Amino acid sequence: MAAATAAAARRVSCSLLRRDHGHLLPLLRPFASSAGGQPQLTVETSVPFTGHKIDPPSRSVDTNPSELLSIFREMSLMRRMEIAADSLYKSKLIRGFCHLYDGQEAVAIGLEAAITKKDAIITAYRDHCIYLARGGSLVESFAELMGRRAGCSKGKGGSMHFYKKESGFFGGHGIVGAQVPLGCGLAFAQRYLKEGTVTFALYGDGAANQGQLFEALNISALWDLPVILVCENNHYGMGTAEWRAAKSPAYYKRGDYVPGLKVDGMDVLAVKQACKFAKEYALQNGPIILEMDTYRYHGHSMSDPGSTYRTRDEITGVRQERDPIERVRKLIVSYELATASELKDIEKEVRKEVDEAIAQAKESPMPDPSELFTNVYVKGFGVEAFGADRKEVKAVLP
């Protein structure tokens, strides 16, 4: 554990004795002692869950000081990584497509807090932070973004194609909505093998109108597959506001015969509670839809300034009122789990960690040109590539 985080954690046991927490924040309840000896905190979500054809879970979420400090650090790390990626792109060290996740960190962290690495996650192209939450490293992330050999996809996938199969992360995908049928296929395999695990298939509000999504949902419901469809509704599909693209923007109701839940996607503990609830439901009953009400601070991609279809006042308002990191910061400080100064120290450590990872990633070489022909076919089933005259062998694909 980093020094600042450890220092904040050491303060937890003594700070809990000094004040009546019930008077600090109306939504918080006093600590209880958990089974592992870690003080337990019950927090009420920012807003109630809204259910479609299902009774929503309780607003009371169990957590503990260590989890809150870890959440703060991980979300701060994600935020800093994305800000750094923005700078690297503008310096032309990252090329091609690049979609940043800052503002939506609570979805990645809350989801991860509710499941295990045996559960599967598949998402679209805004995938950097999901990869990090699944256990990926900063060096692998930046190396992949810069097309280097040390990247998680050997520098051949770039921003949109992070991947970590051993941790149950089946990638970012560039085709809008195409990851949802794949996610349902993963859930089919999980049920077929009786693994007792689930798949979370993430997509945006822009992909919510895709026909393939409804086709996959239909077959998943018929077969009671353990899949959770998670709509990360950041309210803009590229530059199109949801109300201009969807007659019914209540995406959690879109499943009709499949139950759904609307969640404050800027409240990390609400996300955790909803995902835990959805996993338990899906294992017993089949598909469920979660709509995460969230927001992205950057534009859709690096070519989008993000301010032509929405006002700067709107972005500033969300930052001031709903920012997921600031919410956790206030919670930690109110409970005296750490001081504002200690949290600043954690952010300084995060900045240093990101800078060091970038420096290390830059040292990784570019992939060898021969890598163009690898990972195309299953090993041992390659083919020979001929020239236009069909006589000269140009390459043998492994």
Protein backbone atom coordinates (compact mmCIF):
# COMPACT_ATOMS: atom_id res chain seq x y z
CA MET A 1 0.00 0.00 0.00
CA ALA A 2 1.31 3.47 -0.85
CA ALA A 3 2.63 5.61 2.01
CA ALA A 4 -0.17 8.20 2.05
CA THR A 5 -2.86 5.53 1.88
CA ALA A 6 -1.20 3.60 4.70
CA ALA A 7 -0.97 6.73 6.82
CA ALA A 8 -4.65 7.42 6.29
CA ALA A 9 -5.54 3.83 7.13
CA ARG A 10 -3.60 4.00 10.41
CA ARG A 11 -5.78 6.87 11.53
CA VAL A 12 -9.00 4.91 11.11
CA SER A 13 -9.06 3.01 14.41
CA CYS A 14 -8.47 6.07 16.62
CA SER A 15 -10.55 8.54 14.58
CA LEU A 16 -13.70 6.49 15.03
CA LEU A 17 -13.65 7.13 18.76
CA ARG A 18 -13.62 10.90 18.65
CA ARG A 19 -16.95 12.02 17.32
CA ASP A 20 -20.58 11.08 16.82
CA HIS A 21 -20.73 10.40 13.10
CA GLY A 22 -24.50 10.49 13.03
CA HIS A 23 -24.36 14.30 13.36
CA LEU A 24 -21.93 14.79 10.51
CA LEU A 25 -23.77 13.48 7.51
CA PRO A 26 -27.47 12.58 7.67
CA LEU A 27 -27.14 9.72 5.20
CA LEU A 28 -24.50 7.90 7.24
CA ARG A 29 -25.06 5.42 10.03
CA PRO A 30 -22.69 4.56 12.92
CA PHE A 31 -19.98 1.94 12.52
CA ALA A 32 -20.49 -1.65 13.55
CA SER A 33 -17.82 -4.30 13.89
CA SER A 34 -17.54 -6.64 10.91
CA ALA A 35 -16.57 -10.30 11.06
CA GLY A 36 -12.98 -9.58 10.02
CA GLY A 37 -12.42 -7.03 12.77
CA GLN A 38 -12.60 -4.16 10.27
CA PRO A 39 -15.02 -1.43 11.41
CA GLN A 40 -18.14 -1.54 9.29
CA LEU A 41 -19.92 1.45 7.82
CA THR A 42 -23.41 1.50 6.36
CA VAL A 43 -23.99 4.27 3.83
CA GLU A 44 -27.22 5.21 2.13
CA THR A 45 -27.09 5.78 -1.62
CA SER A 46 -27.44 9.30 -2.99
CA VAL A 47 -30.80 8.59 -4.62
CA PRO A 48 -33.15 5.57 -4.56
CA PHE A 49 -32.88 2.84 -7.15
CA THR A 50 -35.73 2.71 -9.67
CA GLY A 51 -36.91 -0.74 -10.69
CA HIS A 52 -38.69 -2.09 -13.77
CA LYS A 53 -40.58 -5.34 -13.13
CA ILE A 54 -38.43 -5.93 -10.04
CA ASP A 55 -38.24 -4.71 -6.46
CA PRO A 56 -35.05 -2.61 -6.14
CA PRO A 57 -32.35 -3.43 -3.59
CA SER A 58 -31.88 -1.62 -0.31
CA ARG A 59 -30.30 1.83 -0.38
CA SER A 60 -28.14 0.86 2.62
CA VAL A 61 -24.71 -0.26 1.44
CA ASP A 62 -22.12 -1.94 3.67
CA THR A 63 -18.54 -0.81 3.34
CA ASN A 64 -15.48 -0.23 5.55
CA PRO A 65 -12.67 2.34 5.90
CA SER A 66 -10.14 0.31 3.93
CA GLU A 67 -12.52 -0.12 1.02
CA LEU A 68 -13.33 3.59 0.91
CA LEU A 69 -9.65 4.57 0.93
CA SER A 70 -8.93 2.00 -1.76
CA ILE A 71 -11.84 3.27 -3.86
CA PHE A 72 -10.57 6.83 -3.57
CA ARG A 73 -7.07 5.84 -4.64
CA GLU A 74 -8.18 3.67 -7.55
CA MET A 75 -10.59 6.27 -8.92
CA SER A 76 -7.92 8.97 -8.57
CA LEU A 77 -5.49 6.72 -10.45
CA MET A 78 -8.01 6.26 -13.27
CA ARG A 79 -8.70 9.97 -13.46
CA ARG A 80 -5.00 10.79 -13.64
CA MET A 81 -4.37 8.09 -16.25
CA GLU A 82 -7.02 9.52 -18.55
CA ILE A 83 -5.80 13.09 -18.12
CA ALA A 84 -2.28 11.90 -18.95
CA ALA A 85 -3.59 10.01 -21.99
CA ASP A 86 -5.13 13.26 -23.21
CA SER A 87 -1.73 14.96 -23.01
CA LEU A 88 0.04 12.05 -24.72
CA TYR A 89 -2.48 12.15 -27.55
CA LYS A 90 -1.97 15.88 -28.06
CA SER A 91 1.78 15.21 -28.11
CA LYS A 92 1.14 12.62 -30.87
CA LEU A 93 2.54 9.78 -28.77
CA ILE A 94 -0.91 8.17 -28.92
CA ARG A 95 -2.37 7.91 -32.42
CA GLY A 96 -5.66 6.78 -33.88
CA PHE A 97 -8.84 6.54 -31.86
CA CYS A 98 -8.85 7.32 -28.15
CA HIS A 99 -11.94 7.51 -25.92
CA LEU A 100 -11.47 8.72 -22.34
CA TYR A 101 -13.41 7.60 -19.26
CA ASP A 102 -12.91 10.46 -16.78
CA GLY A 103 -16.18 11.14 -14.97
CA GLN A 104 -17.38 7.56 -15.24
CA GLU A 105 -14.88 5.96 -12.83
CA ALA A 106 -17.55 4.99 -10.28
CA VAL A 107 -19.02 2.47 -12.73
CA ALA A 108 -15.72 0.62 -13.20
CA ILE A 109 -14.81 0.59 -9.51
CA GLY A 110 -18.31 -0.09 -8.16
CA LEU A 111 -18.75 -3.00 -10.55
CA GLU A 112 -15.42 -4.52 -9.61
CA ALA A 113 -16.22 -4.21 -5.89
CA ALA A 114 -19.31 -6.38 -6.34
CA ILE A 115 -17.87 -9.33 -8.28
CA THR A 116 -14.85 -11.61 -8.62
CA LYS A 117 -12.27 -12.13 -11.35
CA LYS A 118 -14.10 -15.34 -12.28
CA ASP A 119 -16.98 -13.20 -13.48
CA ALA A 120 -16.58 -11.78 -16.98
CA ILE A 121 -16.74 -8.20 -18.25
CA ILE A 122 -16.90 -7.09 -21.87
CA THR A 123 -17.25 -3.50 -22.99
CA ALA A 124 -17.01 -1.08 -25.90
CA TYR A 125 -14.08 1.12 -26.84
CA ARG A 126 -14.04 3.36 -23.71
CA ASP A 127 -12.17 0.60 -21.95
CA HIS A 128 -8.96 1.86 -20.28
CA CYS A 129 -10.36 2.12 -16.76
CA ILE A 130 -12.29 -1.16 -16.93
CA TYR A 131 -8.99 -2.83 -17.79
CA LEU A 132 -7.28 -1.14 -14.86
CA ALA A 133 -10.07 -2.20 -12.48
CA ARG A 134 -9.71 -5.80 -13.64
CA GLY A 135 -6.09 -5.81 -12.46
CA GLY A 136 -4.26 -4.42 -15.46
CA SER A 137 -1.17 -2.30 -14.91
CA LEU A 138 -0.50 1.31 -15.80
CA VAL A 139 2.61 0.35 -17.79
CA GLU A 140 0.64 -2.14 -19.91
CA SER A 141 -2.07 0.48 -20.42
CA PHE A 142 0.21 3.29 -21.56
CA ALA A 143 2.33 0.94 -23.64
CA GLU A 144 -0.77 -0.25 -25.46
CA LEU A 145 -2.02 3.30 -25.97
CA MET A 146 1.34 4.20 -27.53
CA GLY A 147 1.46 1.03 -29.65
CA ARG A 148 4.39 -0.51 -27.79
CA ARG A 149 5.34 -4.15 -27.41
CA ALA A 150 4.78 -4.14 -23.62
CA GLY A 151 1.10 -3.27 -24.10
CA CYS A 152 -1.69 -5.57 -22.93
CA SER A 153 -2.44 -6.43 -26.58
CA LYS A 154 1.23 -6.30 -27.61
CA GLY A 155 0.77 -2.83 -29.03
CA LYS A 156 -1.52 -4.05 -31.79
CA GLY A 157 -4.88 -3.15 -30.29
CA GLY A 158 -4.47 0.43 -29.17
CA SER A 159 -6.99 2.36 -27.13
CA MET A 160 -10.07 0.45 -28.24
CA HIS A 161 -8.80 -3.10 -27.76
CA PHE A 162 -7.51 -3.66 -24.25
CA TYR A 163 -7.77 -7.29 -23.15
CA LYS A 164 -7.03 -9.42 -20.08
CA LYS A 165 -8.59 -12.84 -20.44
CA GLU A 166 -6.96 -14.28 -17.31
CA SER A 167 -8.83 -11.69 -15.23
CA GLY A 168 -12.12 -12.15 -17.02
CA PHE A 169 -11.85 -9.02 -19.17
CA PHE A 170 -12.79 -9.84 -22.73
CA GLY A 171 -11.93 -6.58 -24.22
CA GLY A 172 -12.88 -3.30 -25.62
CA HIS A 173 -14.64 -3.50 -28.98
CA GLY A 174 -14.75 -0.93 -31.75
CA ILE A 175 -18.03 -1.91 -33.42
CA VAL A 176 -20.92 -0.13 -31.72
CA GLY A 177 -22.99 -2.64 -29.75
CA ALA A 178 -21.20 -5.71 -31.10
CA GLN A 179 -19.81 -6.62 -27.69
CA VAL A 180 -23.29 -7.33 -26.30
CA PRO A 181 -23.93 -10.55 -28.30
CA LEU A 182 -20.39 -11.65 -27.42
CA GLY A 183 -21.14 -11.04 -23.76
CA CYS A 184 -24.30 -13.12 -24.02
CA GLY A 185 -22.16 -15.85 -25.59
CA LEU A 186 -19.80 -15.72 -22.62
CA ALA A 187 -22.81 -16.10 -20.33
CA PHE A 188 -23.97 -19.08 -22.39
CA ALA A 189 -20.60 -20.73 -21.80
CA GLN A 190 -20.77 -19.97 -18.08
CA ARG A 191 -24.17 -21.61 -17.79
CA TYR A 192 -23.19 -24.54 -19.99
CA LEU A 193 -20.13 -25.22 -17.83
CA LYS A 194 -22.12 -24.61 -14.62
CA GLU A 195 -19.49 -22.19 -13.35
CA GLY A 196 -21.80 -20.18 -11.10
CA THR A 197 -20.48 -16.94 -12.58
CA VAL A 198 -21.97 -14.10 -14.60
CA THR A 199 -21.06 -11.75 -17.45
CA PHE A 200 -21.47 -7.98 -17.42
CA ALA A 201 -21.88 -6.63 -20.96
CA LEU A 202 -21.34 -2.87 -20.98
CA TYR A 203 -22.57 -0.50 -23.70
CA GLY A 204 -23.42 3.17 -24.03
CA ASP A 205 -26.70 4.97 -24.63
CA GLY A 206 -25.57 5.43 -28.24
CA ALA A 207 -25.52 1.64 -28.70
CA ALA A 208 -28.82 1.10 -26.90
CA ASN A 209 -30.79 1.31 -30.16
CA GLN A 210 -28.76 -1.40 -31.90
CA GLY A 211 -30.85 -4.29 -33.19
CA GLN A 212 -28.25 -6.89 -32.26
CA LEU A 213 -28.64 -5.87 -28.61
CA PHE A 214 -32.32 -6.83 -28.61
CA GLU A 215 -31.68 -10.04 -30.54
CA ALA A 216 -29.04 -11.11 -28.01
CA LEU A 217 -31.27 -10.12 -25.10
CA ASN A 218 -34.15 -12.17 -26.50
CA ILE A 219 -32.17 -15.39 -26.76
CA SER A 220 -30.56 -14.75 -23.37
CA ALA A 221 -33.98 -14.41 -21.78
CA LEU A 222 -35.23 -17.55 -23.51
CA TRP A 223 -32.30 -19.53 -22.13
CA ASP A 224 -32.07 -17.76 -18.74
CA LEU A 225 -28.43 -16.85 -19.32
CA PRO A 226 -26.53 -15.23 -16.41
CA VAL A 227 -25.87 -11.96 -18.23
CA ILE A 228 -26.23 -8.40 -16.95
CA LEU A 229 -26.57 -5.72 -19.63
CA VAL A 230 -25.11 -2.48 -18.30
CA CYS A 231 -26.02 0.71 -20.15
CA GLU A 232 -23.48 3.39 -19.25
CA ASN A 233 -25.77 6.30 -20.01
CA ASN A 234 -23.53 9.37 -20.23
CA HIS A 235 -26.36 11.12 -22.10
CA TYR A 236 -24.55 11.71 -25.38
CA GLY A 237 -23.99 9.19 -28.17
CA MET A 238 -20.99 10.91 -29.79
CA GLY A 239 -22.50 14.40 -30.13
CA THR A 240 -26.16 13.38 -30.11
CA ALA A 241 -28.18 13.93 -26.95
CA GLU A 242 -30.12 10.86 -25.83
CA TRP A 243 -33.50 12.57 -26.29
CA ARG A 244 -32.71 13.18 -29.97
CA ALA A 245 -31.87 9.53 -30.63
CA ALA A 246 -34.23 7.56 -28.38
CA LYS A 247 -37.99 7.86 -28.18
CA SER A 248 -37.76 6.16 -24.80
CA PRO A 249 -34.50 7.08 -23.03
CA ALA A 250 -35.47 5.04 -19.96
CA TYR A 251 -32.95 2.37 -20.96
CA TYR A 252 -33.53 0.20 -17.91
CA LYS A 253 -37.07 -0.39 -19.19
CA ARG A 254 -35.98 -1.25 -22.71
CA GLY A 255 -35.87 -4.96 -21.99
CA ASP A 256 -39.69 -5.04 -21.74
CA TYR A 257 -39.98 -8.63 -20.46
CA VAL A 258 -36.52 -8.39 -18.83
CA PRO A 259 -36.36 -6.54 -15.48
CA GLY A 260 -34.21 -3.45 -15.11
CA LEU A 261 -32.77 -1.09 -12.55
CA LYS A 262 -31.80 2.58 -12.83
CA VAL A 263 -28.69 3.45 -10.80
CA ASP A 264 -26.84 6.65 -9.96
CA GLY A 265 -23.67 5.82 -11.86
CA MET A 266 -21.79 8.66 -10.16
CA ASP A 267 -22.25 7.01 -6.74
CA VAL A 268 -19.68 4.22 -6.45
CA LEU A 269 -21.45 2.50 -3.56
CA ALA A 270 -24.79 2.57 -5.39
CA VAL A 271 -23.07 0.89 -8.36
CA LYS A 272 -21.58 -1.73 -6.04
CA GLN A 273 -24.98 -2.46 -4.48
CA ALA A 274 -26.74 -2.67 -7.84
CA CYS A 275 -24.13 -4.98 -9.38
CA LYS A 276 -24.15 -7.29 -6.38
CA PHE A 277 -27.95 -7.42 -6.56
CA ALA A 278 -27.88 -8.01 -10.34
CA LYS A 279 -25.36 -10.85 -10.07
CA GLU A 280 -27.48 -12.67 -7.50
CA TYR A 281 -30.58 -12.17 -9.63
CA ALA A 282 -28.97 -13.28 -12.91
CA LEU A 283 -27.61 -16.51 -11.43
CA GLN A 284 -31.13 -17.52 -10.42
CA ASN A 285 -33.34 -15.95 -13.05
CA GLY A 286 -31.43 -14.88 -16.16
CA PRO A 287 -30.83 -11.45 -17.71
CA ILE A 288 -31.31 -8.08 -16.05
CA ILE A 289 -30.56 -4.57 -17.32
CA LEU A 290 -28.74 -1.90 -15.30
CA GLU A 291 -28.83 1.70 -16.47
CA MET A 292 -25.96 3.68 -14.99
CA ASP A 293 -26.74 7.40 -14.98
CA THR A 294 -23.24 8.78 -15.51
CA TYR A 295 -21.34 11.51 -17.35
CA ARG A 296 -18.13 11.90 -19.33
CA TYR A 297 -16.08 15.07 -18.94
CA HIS A 298 -14.09 14.77 -22.15
CA GLY A 299 -15.63 14.68 -25.59
CA HIS A 300 -16.66 11.41 -27.22
CA SER A 301 -13.18 10.98 -28.65
CA MET A 302 -10.09 13.14 -29.07
CA SER A 303 -11.48 14.80 -32.20
CA ASP A 304 -14.53 15.96 -30.24
CA PRO A 305 -14.04 19.08 -28.09
CA GLY A 306 -17.16 18.06 -26.16
CA SER A 307 -18.51 21.60 -26.01
CA THR A 308 -20.40 22.08 -29.28
CA TYR A 309 -23.48 20.10 -28.24
CA ARG A 310 -23.46 20.88 -24.51
CA THR A 311 -22.55 23.94 -22.49
CA ARG A 312 -19.48 24.35 -20.32
CA ASP A 313 -21.84 25.29 -17.51
CA GLU A 314 -23.42 21.83 -17.79
CA ILE A 315 -20.04 20.11 -17.49
CA THR A 316 -18.99 22.35 -14.59
CA GLY A 317 -22.30 21.71 -12.83
CA VAL A 318 -21.82 17.95 -12.95
CA ARG A 319 -18.24 18.28 -11.68
CA GLN A 320 -19.39 20.39 -8.75
CA GLU A 321 -22.49 18.42 -7.78
CA ARG A 322 -21.97 14.79 -8.81
CA ASP A 323 -18.26 14.08 -9.28
CA PRO A 324 -17.70 10.48 -8.07
CA ILE A 325 -14.26 11.14 -6.59
CA GLU A 326 -15.37 14.23 -4.70
CA ARG A 327 -18.28 12.28 -3.21
CA VAL A 328 -15.91 9.68 -1.79
CA ARG A 329 -13.52 12.39 -0.62
CA LYS A 330 -16.31 14.07 1.38
CA LEU A 331 -17.35 10.74 2.86
CA ILE A 332 -13.81 9.93 4.00
CA VAL A 333 -13.17 13.37 5.48
CA SER A 334 -16.57 13.50 7.22
CA TYR A 335 -15.82 10.23 8.96
CA GLU A 336 -12.28 11.33 9.79
CA LEU A 337 -10.84 8.32 8.00
CA ALA A 338 -8.25 10.67 6.52
CA THR A 339 -7.64 14.39 6.43
CA ALA A 340 -7.99 16.49 3.31
CA SER A 341 -4.20 16.87 3.37
CA GLU A 342 -3.66 13.08 3.45
CA LEU A 343 -5.99 12.63 0.50
CA LYS A 344 -3.99 15.25 -1.38
CA ASP A 345 -0.86 13.24 -0.60
CA ILE A 346 -2.51 10.16 -2.10
CA GLU A 347 -3.26 12.15 -5.27
CA LYS A 348 0.37 13.31 -5.42
CA GLU A 349 1.53 9.68 -5.16
CA VAL A 350 -0.91 8.74 -7.92
CA ARG A 351 0.45 11.48 -10.17
CA LYS A 352 4.00 10.22 -9.57
CA GLU A 353 2.96 6.62 -10.23
CA VAL A 354 1.37 7.60 -13.54
CA ASP A 355 4.42 9.62 -14.61
CA GLU A 356 6.74 6.72 -13.83
CA ALA A 357 4.51 4.29 -15.76
CA ILE A 358 4.56 6.58 -18.80
CA ALA A 359 8.35 6.80 -18.70
CA GLN A 360 8.61 3.02 -18.48
CA ALA A 361 6.11 2.49 -21.29
CA LYS A 362 8.04 4.84 -23.56
CA GLU A 363 11.10 2.60 -23.19
CA SER A 364 9.23 -0.37 -24.68
CA PRO A 365 10.01 -0.88 -28.39
CA MET A 366 7.47 -0.88 -31.16
CA PRO A 367 6.22 -4.31 -32.31
CA ASP A 368 8.28 -6.04 -34.96
CA PRO A 369 6.69 -5.76 -38.43
CA SER A 370 6.29 -9.55 -38.46
CA GLU A 371 3.69 -9.12 -35.71
CA LEU A 372 1.28 -8.05 -38.45
CA PHE A 373 0.92 -11.73 -39.32
CA THR A 374 0.53 -13.15 -35.80
CA ASN A 375 -2.67 -13.71 -33.83
CA VAL A 376 -4.66 -13.96 -37.04
CA TYR A 377 -5.28 -17.69 -37.19
CA VAL A 378 -5.17 -20.44 -34.59
CA LYS A 379 -1.60 -21.70 -34.26
CA GLY A 380 -0.87 -24.47 -36.71
CA PHE A 381 -3.71 -23.46 -39.02
CA GLY A 382 -2.01 -20.62 -40.86
CA VAL A 383 -2.02 -20.09 -44.61
CA GLU A 384 0.39 -18.99 -47.28
CA ALA A 385 -0.10 -15.50 -48.70
CA PHE A 386 0.68 -15.12 -52.40
CA GLY A 387 1.31 -12.09 -54.56
CA ALA A 388 -1.08 -10.80 -57.18
CA ASP A 389 0.23 -13.28 -59.79
CA ARG A 390 -0.52 -16.18 -57.39
CA LYS A 391 3.00 -17.55 -58.02
CA GLU A 392 5.30 -15.88 -55.51
CA VAL A 393 4.81 -16.66 -51.81
CA LYS A 394 4.83 -13.33 -49.94
CA ALA A 395 4.43 -14.63 -46.42
CA VAL A 396 3.47 -17.67 -44.37
CA LEU A 397 1.05 -16.83 -41.63
CA PRO A 398 1.71 -18.89 -38.47
